[in-house]
């Protein structure tokens, strides 16, 4: 089942499979979380998430990138997190 994001998800940390923060949910529009990337994440992680090259402040989080959603965070799938 794909996650359906709501306004309750605004402010949640978005973390990779290793638990490193890659951003924070800044808004939810039509069930899609829009993430403000952490300034320290690498371009390769941004590229894996489809967040590179647009110059936007926030980026839509693709449902297939999400492993699970908890009360505090949204965890990404291992293959998209940039881990080794």
N, C-alpha and C. Protein backbone atom coordinates (compact mmCIF):
# COMPACT_ATOMS: atom_id res chain seq x y z
N UNK A 1 0.84 -1.19 0.00
CA UNK A 1 0.00 0.00 0.00
C UNK A 1 0.87 1.24 0.00
N UNK A 2 0.60 2.16 -0.89
CA UNK A 2 1.37 3.40 -0.98
C UNK A 2 0.97 4.33 0.15
N UNK A 3 1.95 5.06 0.67
CA UNK A 3 1.63 6.01 1.73
C UNK A 3 0.78 7.15 1.21
N UNK A 4 -0.18 7.58 1.99
CA UNK A 4 -0.98 8.76 1.66
C UNK A 4 -0.61 9.82 2.68
N UNK A 5 0.13 10.81 2.24
CA UNK A 5 0.61 11.83 3.16
C UNK A 5 -0.49 12.84 3.46
N UNK A 6 -0.47 13.36 4.70
CA UNK A 6 -1.45 14.36 5.13
C UNK A 6 -0.69 15.51 5.79
N UNK A 7 -1.44 16.53 6.17
CA UNK A 7 -0.82 17.67 6.86
C UNK A 7 -0.15 17.25 8.16
N UNK A 8 -0.53 16.11 8.72
CA UNK A 8 0.11 15.61 9.93
C UNK A 8 1.57 15.23 9.69
N UNK A 9 1.94 15.02 8.43
CA UNK A 9 3.32 14.64 8.11
C UNK A 9 4.24 15.85 7.96
N UNK A 10 3.69 17.05 7.89
CA UNK A 10 4.51 18.25 7.77
C UNK A 10 5.40 18.37 9.00
N UNK A 11 6.69 18.61 8.76
CA UNK A 11 7.65 18.74 9.84
C UNK A 11 8.39 17.45 10.16
N UNK A 12 7.96 16.32 9.58
CA UNK A 12 8.65 15.06 9.84
C UNK A 12 10.00 15.05 9.12
N UNK A 13 10.97 14.41 9.77
CA UNK A 13 12.28 14.21 9.15
C UNK A 13 12.15 13.15 8.07
N UNK A 14 12.90 13.33 6.98
CA UNK A 14 13.02 12.30 5.95
C UNK A 14 14.43 11.76 6.08
N UNK A 15 14.54 10.45 6.31
CA UNK A 15 15.85 9.85 6.56
C UNK A 15 16.10 8.72 5.56
N UNK A 16 17.38 8.48 5.28
CA UNK A 16 17.71 7.36 4.40
C UNK A 16 17.69 6.07 5.22
N UNK A 17 17.98 4.96 4.56
CA UNK A 17 17.90 3.66 5.23
C UNK A 17 18.89 3.53 6.38
N UNK A 18 19.95 4.36 6.38
CA UNK A 18 20.94 4.33 7.45
C UNK A 18 20.57 5.26 8.61
N UNK A 19 19.46 5.98 8.47
CA UNK A 19 19.02 6.89 9.53
C UNK A 19 19.58 8.30 9.41
N UNK A 20 20.28 8.60 8.31
CA UNK A 20 20.82 9.95 8.11
C UNK A 20 19.73 10.84 7.52
N UNK A 21 19.57 12.03 8.09
CA UNK A 21 18.53 12.93 7.62
C UNK A 21 18.87 13.49 6.25
N UNK A 22 17.90 13.44 5.33
CA UNK A 22 18.10 14.00 4.00
C UNK A 22 17.20 15.21 3.77
N UNK A 23 16.26 15.44 4.66
CA UNK A 23 15.39 16.60 4.52
C UNK A 23 14.24 16.55 5.50
N UNK A 24 13.28 17.48 5.29
CA UNK A 24 12.12 17.58 6.15
C UNK A 24 10.90 17.88 5.29
N UNK A 25 9.77 17.29 5.65
CA UNK A 25 8.54 17.56 4.91
C UNK A 25 8.12 19.00 5.17
N UNK A 26 8.05 19.79 4.10
CA UNK A 26 7.69 21.19 4.23
C UNK A 26 6.22 21.44 3.91
N UNK A 27 5.63 20.56 3.08
CA UNK A 27 4.23 20.73 2.69
C UNK A 27 3.70 19.40 2.17
N UNK A 28 2.39 19.29 2.17
CA UNK A 28 1.72 18.14 1.56
C UNK A 28 0.65 18.69 0.63
N UNK A 29 0.73 18.29 -0.64
CA UNK A 29 -0.24 18.74 -1.64
C UNK A 29 -0.80 17.53 -2.36
N UNK A 30 -2.12 17.36 -2.30
CA UNK A 30 -2.81 16.27 -2.99
C UNK A 30 -2.23 14.90 -2.63
N UNK A 31 -1.86 14.71 -1.35
CA UNK A 31 -1.34 13.44 -0.88
C UNK A 31 0.13 13.20 -1.15
N UNK A 32 0.82 14.19 -1.73
CA UNK A 32 2.25 14.08 -2.01
C UNK A 32 3.03 14.96 -1.05
N UNK A 33 4.02 14.34 -0.38
CA UNK A 33 4.87 15.11 0.52
C UNK A 33 5.90 15.88 -0.29
N UNK A 34 6.11 17.14 0.04
CA UNK A 34 7.13 17.97 -0.59
C UNK A 34 8.21 18.22 0.45
N UNK A 35 9.44 17.85 0.10
CA UNK A 35 10.54 17.82 1.04
C UNK A 35 11.52 18.95 0.77
N UNK A 36 11.91 19.62 1.85
CA UNK A 36 13.00 20.60 1.78
C UNK A 36 14.28 19.84 2.10
N UNK A 37 15.18 19.70 1.12
CA UNK A 37 16.39 18.90 1.35
C UNK A 37 17.31 19.52 2.41
N UNK A 38 17.97 18.65 3.15
CA UNK A 38 19.00 19.09 4.09
C UNK A 38 20.14 19.68 3.26
N UNK A 39 20.68 20.85 3.65
CA UNK A 39 21.74 21.46 2.86
C UNK A 39 22.99 20.59 2.71
N UNK A 40 23.17 19.61 3.59
CA UNK A 40 24.38 18.80 3.55
C UNK A 40 24.29 17.53 2.72
N UNK A 41 23.11 17.22 2.15
CA UNK A 41 23.04 15.97 1.40
C UNK A 41 23.76 16.12 0.06
N UNK A 42 24.27 15.01 -0.41
CA UNK A 42 25.09 15.03 -1.62
C UNK A 42 24.23 15.09 -2.87
N UNK A 43 24.85 15.54 -3.96
CA UNK A 43 24.16 15.60 -5.24
C UNK A 43 23.74 14.21 -5.71
N UNK A 44 24.53 13.18 -5.35
CA UNK A 44 24.18 11.83 -5.80
C UNK A 44 22.89 11.36 -5.14
N UNK A 45 22.67 11.71 -3.88
CA UNK A 45 21.42 11.35 -3.22
C UNK A 45 20.27 12.13 -3.84
N UNK A 46 20.49 13.42 -4.10
CA UNK A 46 19.45 14.22 -4.75
C UNK A 46 19.08 13.62 -6.11
N UNK A 47 20.08 13.17 -6.86
CA UNK A 47 19.82 12.58 -8.17
C UNK A 47 19.00 11.30 -8.04
N UNK A 48 19.32 10.45 -7.06
CA UNK A 48 18.57 9.21 -6.86
C UNK A 48 17.11 9.48 -6.54
N UNK A 49 16.87 10.59 -5.85
CA UNK A 49 15.50 10.94 -5.46
C UNK A 49 14.80 11.78 -6.52
N UNK A 50 15.51 12.11 -7.60
CA UNK A 50 14.92 12.95 -8.65
C UNK A 50 14.83 14.40 -8.24
N UNK A 51 15.71 14.83 -7.33
CA UNK A 51 15.67 16.19 -6.80
C UNK A 51 16.74 17.10 -7.37
N UNK A 52 17.44 16.68 -8.41
CA UNK A 52 18.55 17.51 -8.89
C UNK A 52 18.13 18.32 -10.11
N UNK A 53 18.78 19.45 -10.27
CA UNK A 53 18.66 20.21 -11.50
C UNK A 53 17.49 21.16 -11.62
N UNK A 54 16.52 21.12 -10.72
CA UNK A 54 15.36 21.98 -10.92
C UNK A 54 15.47 23.31 -10.18
N UNK A 55 16.37 23.40 -9.21
CA UNK A 55 16.54 24.65 -8.48
C UNK A 55 15.38 25.01 -7.58
N UNK A 56 14.55 24.05 -7.27
CA UNK A 56 13.39 24.28 -6.41
C UNK A 56 13.82 24.31 -4.93
N UNK A 57 12.95 24.90 -4.10
CA UNK A 57 13.19 24.89 -2.65
C UNK A 57 12.72 23.58 -2.02
N UNK A 58 11.65 23.01 -2.57
CA UNK A 58 11.14 21.73 -2.10
C UNK A 58 10.94 20.80 -3.28
N UNK A 59 10.93 19.50 -3.00
CA UNK A 59 10.81 18.49 -4.05
C UNK A 59 9.77 17.46 -3.66
N UNK A 60 8.98 16.98 -4.62
CA UNK A 60 8.00 15.94 -4.29
C UNK A 60 8.70 14.63 -3.95
N UNK A 61 8.20 13.97 -2.95
CA UNK A 61 8.74 12.68 -2.53
C UNK A 61 7.98 11.59 -3.26
N UNK A 62 8.67 10.82 -4.07
CA UNK A 62 8.04 9.76 -4.85
C UNK A 62 7.64 8.61 -3.91
N UNK A 63 6.43 8.12 -4.06
CA UNK A 63 5.92 7.07 -3.17
C UNK A 63 6.81 5.83 -3.18
N UNK A 64 7.36 5.48 -4.35
CA UNK A 64 8.17 4.27 -4.43
C UNK A 64 9.50 4.42 -3.67
N UNK A 65 9.87 5.64 -3.31
CA UNK A 65 11.11 5.87 -2.55
C UNK A 65 10.92 5.61 -1.06
N UNK A 66 9.68 5.51 -0.59
CA UNK A 66 9.38 5.42 0.83
C UNK A 66 9.33 3.97 1.28
N UNK A 67 10.11 3.66 2.32
CA UNK A 67 10.08 2.34 2.92
C UNK A 67 8.98 2.26 3.97
N UNK A 68 8.95 3.26 4.86
CA UNK A 68 7.91 3.27 5.91
C UNK A 68 7.76 4.67 6.47
N UNK A 69 6.61 4.89 7.10
CA UNK A 69 6.30 6.17 7.73
C UNK A 69 5.98 5.89 9.19
N UNK A 70 6.66 6.61 10.08
CA UNK A 70 6.38 6.47 11.52
C UNK A 70 5.81 7.79 12.02
N UNK A 71 5.60 7.87 13.33
CA UNK A 71 5.08 9.10 13.93
C UNK A 71 6.08 10.24 13.83
N UNK A 72 7.38 9.92 13.70
CA UNK A 72 8.43 10.94 13.75
C UNK A 72 9.17 11.15 12.44
N UNK A 73 9.14 10.15 11.55
CA UNK A 73 9.98 10.26 10.37
C UNK A 73 9.43 9.46 9.20
N UNK A 74 9.99 9.76 8.03
CA UNK A 74 9.72 9.01 6.82
C UNK A 74 11.04 8.41 6.40
N UNK A 75 11.07 7.08 6.33
CA UNK A 75 12.32 6.37 6.01
C UNK A 75 12.29 5.94 4.55
N UNK A 76 13.41 6.16 3.87
CA UNK A 76 13.53 5.84 2.45
C UNK A 76 14.02 4.41 2.25
N UNK A 77 13.76 3.88 1.06
CA UNK A 77 14.25 2.56 0.69
C UNK A 77 15.77 2.56 0.60
N UNK A 78 16.38 1.42 0.87
CA UNK A 78 17.83 1.27 0.85
C UNK A 78 18.42 1.66 -0.50
N UNK A 79 17.81 1.23 -1.60
CA UNK A 79 18.41 1.46 -2.92
C UNK A 79 18.36 2.91 -3.36
N UNK A 80 17.63 3.76 -2.66
CA UNK A 80 17.54 5.17 -3.00
C UNK A 80 18.30 6.06 -2.03
N UNK A 81 18.84 5.48 -0.97
CA UNK A 81 19.38 6.30 0.11
C UNK A 81 20.82 6.72 -0.08
N UNK A 82 21.52 6.13 -1.02
CA UNK A 82 22.90 6.49 -1.22
C UNK A 82 23.86 5.69 -0.36
N UNK A 83 23.35 4.70 0.37
CA UNK A 83 24.21 3.86 1.20
C UNK A 83 25.01 2.90 0.36
N UNK A 84 26.03 2.30 0.96
CA UNK A 84 26.86 1.37 0.21
C UNK A 84 26.43 -0.05 0.44
